[in-house]
């Protein structure tokens, strides 16, 4: 099964993708992780991408599309995957379709009110060692990463001003492409404003109740 996680920034796409991955053994492919790794490596594409990401703007399509196409050609995704963060614009969708980058079976659309999204921004923490994501709004009291004990870090784009810009970009450029997948009959809508465990239960319930071909068989296995 090939999943696409869809939703506004901070909707919980990465968190739920990781939970789904752990239960069903599918690799997660995060466009954000691909970009951040490129930035950390200091390569040419990463340097260019950082200029846009720090301002909450979209990374140019030619950079993004080349990265994702290369990743989806790897052997570990032949049996399925969970994709997060691509496509994000009508032009990326056009490349996605025209170049037949991949076939998507299920699009998980997360619905979260704007106020909840904004509160998550200032509370997000990412482990500097293993990349585990935690949010202080969950009130779990983690002073360090519960998985590896690593120190928490705060992303440079996790601030209110940048987020408002990112959200407006999402509303104007990303959200409209959901219509394409709706016409294909591949969208499953999930309420994602709850804490991760409950949002994941919402996700599983929505998938179970879906009429998408082959999905119930996948979940049962």
Protein backbone atom coordinates (compact mmCIF):
# COMPACT_ATOMS: atom_id res chain seq x y z
CA UNK A 1 0.00 0.00 0.00
CA UNK A 2 1.20 3.48 -0.90
CA UNK A 3 0.00 6.19 1.48
CA UNK A 4 0.19 9.97 1.17
CA UNK A 5 -0.17 12.05 4.34
CA UNK A 6 -1.91 15.37 3.67
CA UNK A 7 -2.59 18.32 5.95
CA UNK A 8 -1.44 21.75 7.09
CA UNK A 9 1.99 22.26 8.66
CA UNK A 10 1.89 20.90 12.24
CA UNK A 11 -1.20 18.76 11.54
CA UNK A 12 0.71 15.69 12.76
CA UNK A 13 1.50 14.07 9.43
CA UNK A 14 4.98 12.93 10.44
CA UNK A 15 3.92 11.63 13.86
CA UNK A 16 1.02 9.57 12.53
CA UNK A 17 3.09 8.36 9.59
CA UNK A 18 5.69 6.99 12.00
CA UNK A 19 3.03 5.24 14.08
CA UNK A 20 1.49 3.69 10.97
CA UNK A 21 4.95 2.66 9.82
CA UNK A 22 5.72 0.89 13.10
CA UNK A 23 2.47 -1.10 12.98
CA UNK A 24 2.51 -2.05 9.30
CA UNK A 25 6.19 -2.11 8.37
CA UNK A 26 6.11 0.53 5.65
CA UNK A 27 9.02 2.96 5.26
CA UNK A 28 8.22 6.63 5.78
CA UNK A 29 9.40 9.18 3.26
CA UNK A 30 9.39 12.72 4.58
CA UNK A 31 10.16 15.50 2.14
CA UNK A 32 11.03 17.66 5.13
CA UNK A 33 13.59 15.12 6.35
CA UNK A 34 15.08 14.84 2.87
CA UNK A 35 15.47 18.60 2.73
CA UNK A 36 16.87 18.93 6.25
CA UNK A 37 19.39 16.14 5.65
CA UNK A 38 20.49 17.94 2.52
CA UNK A 39 20.90 21.14 4.53
CA UNK A 40 22.84 19.34 7.28
CA UNK A 41 25.17 17.84 4.65
CA UNK A 42 25.79 21.32 3.29
CA UNK A 43 25.31 20.34 -0.33
CA UNK A 44 24.33 22.84 -3.00
CA UNK A 45 20.66 21.90 -3.05
CA UNK A 46 20.51 22.10 0.73
CA UNK A 47 21.98 25.59 0.86
CA UNK A 48 19.43 26.82 -1.66
CA UNK A 49 16.57 25.09 0.17
CA UNK A 50 17.48 26.61 3.54
CA UNK A 51 17.05 30.15 2.24
CA UNK A 52 13.42 29.39 1.43
CA UNK A 53 12.62 27.21 4.46
CA UNK A 54 13.85 29.83 6.94
CA UNK A 55 11.33 32.28 5.48
CA UNK A 56 8.52 29.72 5.48
CA UNK A 57 8.45 29.70 1.70
CA UNK A 58 8.27 26.79 -0.73
CA UNK A 59 11.52 25.25 -1.96
CA UNK A 60 11.69 25.48 -5.79
CA UNK A 61 9.90 22.64 -7.54
CA UNK A 62 12.88 21.52 -9.59
CA UNK A 63 14.85 20.85 -6.40
CA UNK A 64 12.01 19.06 -4.61
CA UNK A 65 10.91 16.91 -7.55
CA UNK A 66 14.43 15.69 -8.28
CA UNK A 67 14.95 14.71 -4.64
CA UNK A 68 11.67 12.83 -4.25
CA UNK A 69 11.95 11.01 -7.56
CA UNK A 70 15.38 9.72 -6.60
CA UNK A 71 14.13 8.56 -3.19
CA UNK A 72 11.10 6.73 -4.62
CA UNK A 73 13.39 4.77 -6.94
CA UNK A 74 15.03 3.01 -3.98
CA UNK A 75 14.48 -0.71 -3.39
CA UNK A 76 13.05 -0.35 0.11
CA UNK A 77 9.82 1.26 -1.16
CA UNK A 78 8.90 -1.35 -3.76
CA UNK A 79 6.30 -2.96 -1.47
CA UNK A 80 4.80 0.35 -0.35
CA UNK A 81 5.56 3.46 1.67
CA UNK A 82 4.11 6.42 3.57
CA UNK A 83 4.84 9.73 1.84
CA UNK A 84 4.75 13.01 3.75
CA UNK A 85 5.26 16.46 2.25
CA UNK A 86 4.92 15.93 -1.49
CA UNK A 87 3.31 17.14 -3.70
CA UNK A 88 2.67 20.58 -2.20
CA UNK A 89 1.87 22.75 -5.22
CA UNK A 90 -0.15 22.39 -8.44
CA UNK A 91 3.10 22.42 -10.40
CA UNK A 92 4.53 19.62 -8.24
CA UNK A 93 1.31 17.68 -8.74
CA UNK A 94 1.65 18.12 -12.50
CA UNK A 95 5.16 16.66 -12.40
CA UNK A 96 3.89 13.94 -10.07
CA UNK A 97 1.24 12.93 -12.62
CA UNK A 98 3.01 13.65 -15.91
CA UNK A 99 6.20 11.82 -14.97
CA UNK A 100 4.25 9.01 -13.30
CA UNK A 101 6.50 9.30 -10.25
CA UNK A 102 4.33 6.85 -8.32
CA UNK A 103 0.78 5.59 -7.87
CA UNK A 104 -0.87 6.51 -4.56
CA UNK A 105 -3.48 4.16 -3.03
CA UNK A 106 -4.64 6.19 -0.02
CA UNK A 107 -4.47 9.91 0.84
CA UNK A 108 -4.89 10.57 4.57
CA UNK A 109 -6.24 14.12 4.97
CA UNK A 110 -5.77 15.45 8.52
CA UNK A 111 -8.19 18.12 9.70
CA UNK A 112 -6.95 20.32 12.57
CA UNK A 113 -8.27 23.79 13.58
CA UNK A 114 -5.87 26.69 13.02
CA UNK A 115 -5.67 27.58 16.73
CA UNK A 116 -4.53 24.05 17.58
CA UNK A 117 -1.95 24.15 14.80
CA UNK A 118 -0.49 27.43 16.03
CA UNK A 119 -0.21 26.16 19.61
CA UNK A 120 1.76 23.17 18.38
CA UNK A 121 4.31 25.36 16.63
CA UNK A 122 5.83 26.90 19.75
CA UNK A 123 5.78 23.53 21.54
CA UNK A 124 7.50 21.31 18.97
CA UNK A 125 10.83 19.80 19.96
CA UNK A 126 13.01 17.51 17.87
CA UNK A 127 15.65 15.19 19.33
CA UNK A 128 19.08 16.28 18.10
CA UNK A 129 20.30 12.70 18.19
CA UNK A 130 17.57 10.46 16.73
CA UNK A 131 15.06 12.93 15.27
CA UNK A 132 12.14 11.91 17.53
CA UNK A 133 9.47 14.63 17.59
CA UNK A 134 7.78 15.69 20.82
CA UNK A 135 5.44 18.56 21.63
CA UNK A 136 5.25 20.24 25.02
CA UNK A 137 1.47 20.62 24.54
CA UNK A 138 1.19 16.87 25.11
CA UNK A 139 2.11 17.54 28.79
CA UNK A 140 4.17 14.35 29.14
CA UNK A 141 7.03 16.10 30.94
CA UNK A 142 9.86 14.78 28.79
CA UNK A 143 12.98 16.80 29.63
CA UNK A 144 14.96 14.73 27.12
CA UNK A 145 14.14 12.29 24.34
CA UNK A 146 12.30 9.22 25.72
CA UNK A 147 13.78 7.02 22.99
CA UNK A 148 17.50 7.79 23.18
CA UNK A 149 17.94 10.39 25.92
CA UNK A 150 19.08 13.00 23.44
CA UNK A 151 18.81 16.75 23.87
CA UNK A 152 15.81 18.63 22.45
CA UNK A 153 16.27 21.10 19.63
CA UNK A 154 13.96 23.77 18.20
CA UNK A 155 13.66 24.23 14.45
CA UNK A 156 14.49 27.69 13.13
CA UNK A 157 11.11 27.92 11.38
CA UNK A 158 9.06 27.09 14.50
CA UNK A 159 7.81 30.57 15.34
CA UNK A 160 4.44 32.27 15.00
CA UNK A 161 5.36 34.70 12.23
CA UNK A 162 6.90 32.05 10.00
CA UNK A 163 4.04 29.66 10.68
CA UNK A 164 1.39 32.15 9.57
CA UNK A 165 3.24 32.48 6.29
CA UNK A 166 3.51 28.70 5.93
CA UNK A 167 -0.18 28.27 6.66
CA UNK A 168 -1.19 30.87 4.10
CA UNK A 169 0.98 29.14 1.51
CA UNK A 170 -0.70 25.84 2.40
CA UNK A 171 -4.20 27.32 2.02
CA UNK A 172 -3.43 28.98 -1.31
CA UNK A 173 -1.10 26.48 -2.98
CA UNK A 174 -1.31 23.07 -1.31
CA UNK A 175 -4.90 22.56 -0.20
CA UNK A 176 -6.36 22.92 -3.74
CA UNK A 177 -4.48 19.86 -4.98
CA UNK A 178 -6.50 17.68 -2.60
CA UNK A 179 -9.33 17.95 -5.12
CA UNK A 180 -7.34 15.85 -7.58
CA UNK A 181 -7.14 12.94 -5.15
CA UNK A 182 -10.78 13.35 -4.13
CA UNK A 183 -11.80 12.90 -7.77
CA UNK A 184 -9.69 9.74 -7.78
CA UNK A 185 -11.66 8.47 -4.76
CA UNK A 186 -8.52 8.04 -2.66
CA UNK A 187 -9.05 10.48 0.23
CA UNK A 188 -9.71 9.40 3.82
CA UNK A 189 -10.47 12.32 6.17
CA UNK A 190 -9.20 12.10 9.77
CA UNK A 191 -9.70 14.43 12.73
CA UNK A 192 -6.18 15.14 13.97
CA UNK A 193 -6.52 17.73 16.75
CA UNK A 194 -6.33 15.13 19.54
CA UNK A 195 -3.11 13.95 21.15
CA UNK A 196 -1.12 11.49 18.99
CA UNK A 197 -2.49 8.23 20.39
CA UNK A 198 -6.12 9.31 19.96
CA UNK A 199 -5.46 10.84 16.55
CA UNK A 200 -3.91 7.53 15.51
CA UNK A 201 -7.02 5.69 16.69
CA UNK A 202 -9.07 8.15 14.62
CA UNK A 203 -6.86 7.32 11.65
CA UNK A 204 -7.22 3.56 12.00
CA UNK A 205 -10.99 3.85 12.38
CA UNK A 206 -11.25 6.03 9.28
CA UNK A 207 -9.13 3.57 7.28
CA UNK A 208 -11.23 0.62 8.46
CA UNK A 209 -14.42 2.38 7.37
CA UNK A 210 -13.05 3.34 3.98
CA UNK A 211 -14.17 1.73 0.74
CA UNK A 212 -10.79 2.07 -0.93
CA UNK A 213 -9.94 -1.11 -2.78
CA UNK A 214 -7.44 -3.36 -1.03
CA UNK A 215 -7.19 -1.25 2.12
CA UNK A 216 -9.08 -3.53 4.49
CA UNK A 217 -7.02 -6.52 3.33
CA UNK A 218 -3.85 -4.58 3.99
CA UNK A 219 -4.97 -3.60 7.51
CA UNK A 220 -6.00 -7.16 8.35
CA UNK A 221 -2.61 -8.50 7.35
